[in-house]
Amino acid sequence: MSVKIRLSRGGAKKRPYYYVVVAHSASPRDGRYIEQIGTYDPMLKKDNPERVKLNEERCKYWLSVGAQPTDRVARFLDVAGLTKREAKNSPQKALPKKKAQERTKLEAEKAAKAAEAAASGDAAE
């Protein structure tokens, strides 16, 4: 069974607080875990050193035995200098969807016809 390093939510309603835990991949998000190795408080400012706290020795150990961090935890580990995270780039996400592409294609055709009609109208005069 694979092991993940992920966030487990705690805190009150609308006041999130997360624990960085090592858990089996099949266990529930806030359920049973193997070990707690850090905390994350998103309510604090980004430059606050208390925002993310990690036990670096335990993080190194779990990474060395093959635990896979989730994307958010990988960001924390990258900032701490424990792993190197590849920046994701999905250029397809930025493109318009199918219907929008069809609309722009039709608009371009209409503009071309209008320009053609205007050019032929000018030539007739």
Protein backbone atom coordinates (compact mmCIF):
# COMPACT_ATOMS: atom_id res chain seq x y z
CA MET A 1 0.00 0.00 0.00
CA SER A 2 1.38 3.41 -0.94
CA VAL A 3 2.09 6.09 1.62
CA LYS A 4 1.28 9.77 1.08
CA ILE A 5 2.39 12.94 2.81
CA ARG A 6 -0.74 15.07 2.82
CA LEU A 7 -2.85 17.60 4.72
CA SER A 8 -5.45 16.63 7.30
CA ARG A 9 -7.98 19.35 8.14
CA GLY A 10 -8.65 20.51 11.65
CA GLY A 11 -9.94 23.73 13.15
CA ALA A 12 -13.41 25.21 13.33
CA LYS A 13 -15.84 26.11 10.58
CA LYS A 14 -14.38 28.86 8.38
CA ARG A 15 -11.16 28.75 10.47
CA PRO A 16 -9.09 26.01 8.80
CA TYR A 17 -5.98 24.53 10.34
CA TYR A 18 -4.11 21.65 8.75
CA TYR A 19 -1.78 18.96 9.99
CA VAL A 20 0.87 17.62 7.64
CA VAL A 21 0.56 13.87 8.09
CA VAL A 22 1.93 10.67 6.66
CA ALA A 23 -0.95 8.30 5.88
CA HIS A 24 -1.87 5.32 3.78
CA SER A 25 -3.33 6.49 0.50
CA ALA A 26 -6.61 4.63 1.14
CA SER A 27 -7.28 6.20 4.54
CA PRO A 28 -9.74 9.14 4.75
CA ARG A 29 -8.52 12.75 4.61
CA ASP A 30 -9.14 13.48 8.29
CA GLY A 31 -8.93 9.86 9.38
CA ARG A 32 -6.21 7.57 10.62
CA TYR A 33 -2.61 8.47 9.88
CA ILE A 34 0.81 7.02 10.60
CA GLU A 35 2.60 10.13 11.86
CA GLN A 36 2.10 13.88 12.11
CA ILE A 37 5.15 15.70 10.74
CA GLY A 38 4.03 19.32 10.63
CA THR A 39 1.30 21.96 10.64
CA TYR A 40 -0.08 24.56 8.23
CA ASP A 41 -2.17 27.57 9.27
CA PRO A 42 -3.57 29.31 6.17
CA MET A 43 -5.11 32.08 8.31
CA LEU A 44 -1.66 33.56 9.00
CA LYS A 45 0.06 35.96 6.59
CA LYS A 46 2.25 34.41 3.91
CA ASP A 47 5.47 35.84 5.34
CA ASN A 48 4.76 34.60 8.88
CA PRO A 49 7.26 31.86 9.86
CA GLU A 50 4.56 30.12 11.94
CA ARG A 51 2.38 29.55 8.83
CA VAL A 52 4.10 26.28 7.88
CA LYS A 53 6.04 24.23 10.42
CA LEU A 54 7.70 20.98 9.38
CA ASN A 55 9.78 18.42 11.24
CA GLU A 56 12.49 18.29 8.56
CA GLU A 57 14.18 15.13 9.84
CA ARG A 58 10.95 13.13 9.68
CA CYS A 59 10.12 14.61 6.26
CA LYS A 60 13.50 13.49 4.94
CA TYR A 61 12.97 10.02 6.41
CA TRP A 62 9.53 9.54 4.86
CA LEU A 63 10.68 10.84 1.49
CA SER A 64 13.65 8.45 1.61
CA VAL A 65 11.37 5.43 2.15
CA GLY A 66 9.15 6.39 -0.79
CA ALA A 67 6.28 8.47 0.59
CA GLN A 68 4.71 10.62 -2.13
CA PRO A 69 3.77 14.21 -1.20
CA THR A 70 0.58 15.77 -2.55
CA ASP A 71 0.92 18.89 -4.69
CA ARG A 72 0.35 21.35 -1.82
CA VAL A 73 2.74 19.51 0.52
CA ALA A 74 5.30 19.32 -2.30
CA ARG A 75 5.17 23.13 -2.45
CA PHE A 76 5.92 23.33 1.29
CA LEU A 77 8.78 20.85 0.97
CA ASP A 78 10.19 22.78 -1.99
CA VAL A 79 10.20 26.03 0.01
CA ALA A 80 11.89 24.20 2.90
CA GLY A 81 14.52 22.89 0.46
CA LEU A 82 13.71 19.20 1.00
CA THR A 83 12.54 18.35 -2.53
CA LYS A 84 12.50 19.92 -5.95
CA ARG A 85 9.01 20.55 -7.32
CA GLU A 86 8.45 20.85 -11.04
CA ALA A 87 6.19 23.79 -11.93
CA LYS A 88 3.12 22.55 -13.76
CA ASN A 89 2.26 24.17 -17.07
CA SER A 90 -0.92 23.38 -18.94
CA PRO A 91 -1.13 25.69 -21.97
CA GLN A 92 -4.33 23.93 -23.07
CA LYS A 93 -6.17 25.32 -20.01
CA ALA A 94 -5.70 28.88 -21.22
CA LEU A 95 -7.27 28.23 -24.61
CA PRO A 96 -10.96 29.01 -25.18
CA LYS A 97 -13.34 26.05 -25.17
CA LYS A 98 -14.90 24.54 -28.30
CA LYS A 99 -17.99 26.79 -28.58
CA ALA A 100 -15.97 29.96 -28.04
CA GLN A 101 -13.52 28.87 -30.75
CA GLU A 102 -16.45 28.26 -33.14
CA ARG A 103 -17.88 31.71 -32.33
CA THR A 104 -14.60 33.49 -33.04
CA LYS A 105 -14.23 31.51 -36.28
CA LEU A 106 -17.72 32.60 -37.43
CA GLU A 107 -17.01 36.22 -36.46
CA ALA A 108 -13.78 36.15 -38.47
CA GLU A 109 -15.63 34.75 -41.49
CA LYS A 110 -18.31 37.49 -41.20
CA ALA A 111 -15.63 40.17 -40.94
CA ALA A 112 -13.86 38.75 -44.01
CA LYS A 113 -17.11 38.77 -46.01
CA ALA A 114 -17.87 42.33 -44.89
CA ALA A 115 -14.39 43.47 -45.92
CA GLU A 116 -14.78 41.68 -49.25
CA ALA A 117 -18.17 43.33 -49.84
CA ALA A 118 -16.75 46.74 -48.93
CA ALA A 119 -13.80 46.20 -51.28
CA SER A 120 -16.06 45.14 -54.14
CA GLY A 121 -18.37 48.11 -53.42
CA ASP A 122 -15.42 50.52 -53.62
CA ALA A 123 -14.25 48.95 -56.90
CA ALA A 124 -17.73 49.36 -58.47
CA GLU A 125 -17.74 53.11 -57.87
